[in-house]
Amino acid sequence: MEASIVELRYKMNDVLRALERKEEVTVLYRGKVKGTIKPVQASVEADALKHPFFGSEKGLRESIAEEMEILRGGRFGGL
């Protein structure tokens, strides 16, 4: 699919549908190609879920708020 800058602005739903169909969207500015928008590959999504951030709260002993307070040191912790 090809889309101009104006079409990206006003027809974003069509662009998103094309990406769902695994089509690349070529972005045009004044008739010249400026770039492409590619759909996300399934392996990239799976790799993102392996990142240590996901599920990191499982090993916490305290609540997330308490853990953040410990990490930050509190407002007056350095005084």
Protein backbone atom coordinates (compact mmCIF):
# COMPACT_ATOMS: atom_id res chain seq x y z
CA MET A 1 0.00 0.00 0.00
CA GLU A 2 1.15 3.53 -0.69
CA ALA A 3 0.00 6.47 1.40
CA SER A 4 0.81 10.14 1.30
CA ILE A 5 1.34 12.20 4.42
CA VAL A 6 -2.23 13.51 4.18
CA GLU A 7 -3.60 9.98 3.83
CA LEU A 8 -1.64 8.91 6.90
CA ARG A 9 -3.32 11.68 8.82
CA TYR A 10 -6.88 11.21 7.62
CA LYS A 11 -6.98 7.49 6.80
CA MET A 12 -4.97 5.94 9.61
CA ASN A 13 -7.57 3.18 10.05
CA ASP A 14 -6.92 2.01 6.48
CA VAL A 15 -3.17 2.02 7.13
CA LEU A 16 -3.62 -0.01 10.31
CA ARG A 17 -5.82 -2.53 8.47
CA ALA A 18 -3.12 -2.92 5.82
CA LEU A 19 -0.54 -3.59 8.56
CA GLU A 20 -2.87 -6.20 10.09
CA ARG A 21 -2.93 -7.91 6.69
CA LYS A 22 0.91 -7.96 6.91
CA GLU A 23 1.28 -5.43 4.09
CA GLU A 24 4.05 -2.85 4.01
CA VAL A 25 2.94 0.78 3.75
CA THR A 26 5.10 3.07 1.63
CA VAL A 27 5.01 6.69 2.80
CA LEU A 28 5.10 9.32 0.07
CA TYR A 29 5.83 13.03 0.40
CA ARG A 30 5.20 15.10 -2.72
CA GLY A 31 5.21 11.91 -4.75
CA LYS A 32 8.60 10.70 -3.53
CA VAL A 33 9.16 7.75 -1.24
CA LYS A 34 10.21 8.87 2.25
CA GLY A 35 10.02 5.53 4.03
CA THR A 36 8.11 2.37 4.72
CA ILE A 37 6.08 1.14 7.66
CA LYS A 38 6.45 -2.60 8.13
CA PRO A 39 4.22 -4.90 10.20
CA VAL A 40 5.72 -6.42 13.33
CA GLN A 41 7.07 -9.93 12.91
CA ALA A 42 5.78 -12.63 15.27
CA SER A 43 9.29 -13.43 16.48
CA VAL A 44 9.82 -9.83 17.59
CA GLU A 45 6.69 -10.00 19.75
CA ALA A 46 7.85 -13.27 21.30
CA ASP A 47 11.31 -11.84 21.99
CA ALA A 48 9.77 -8.84 23.73
CA LEU A 49 7.97 -11.12 26.16
CA LYS A 50 11.31 -12.71 27.12
CA HIS A 51 12.61 -9.34 28.34
CA PRO A 52 13.35 -9.33 32.09
CA PHE A 53 10.87 -6.50 32.65
CA PHE A 54 7.89 -8.76 31.95
CA GLY A 55 6.97 -10.75 35.03
CA SER A 56 9.52 -8.90 37.14
CA GLU A 57 6.97 -8.28 39.89
CA LYS A 58 6.70 -12.03 40.61
CA GLY A 59 9.92 -12.11 42.64
CA LEU A 60 9.14 -9.08 44.79
CA ARG A 61 8.76 -9.54 48.53
CA GLU A 62 7.10 -6.17 49.03
CA SER A 63 4.40 -4.44 47.03
CA ILE A 64 5.49 -2.51 43.97
CA ALA A 65 5.01 0.81 45.78
CA GLU A 66 7.18 -0.35 48.69
CA GLU A 67 9.83 -1.72 46.32
CA MET A 68 9.94 1.61 44.45
CA GLU A 69 10.31 3.49 47.74
CA ILE A 70 13.28 1.27 48.64
CA LEU A 71 14.89 1.84 45.23
CA ARG A 72 14.34 5.61 45.30
CA GLY A 73 15.48 6.00 48.86
CA GLY A 74 12.61 8.26 49.85
CA ARG A 75 12.35 11.99 49.53
CA PHE A 76 14.71 12.81 52.38
CA GLY A 77 16.82 9.64 52.33
CA GLY A 78 20.04 11.47 51.44
CA LEU A 79 19.87 14.01 54.28
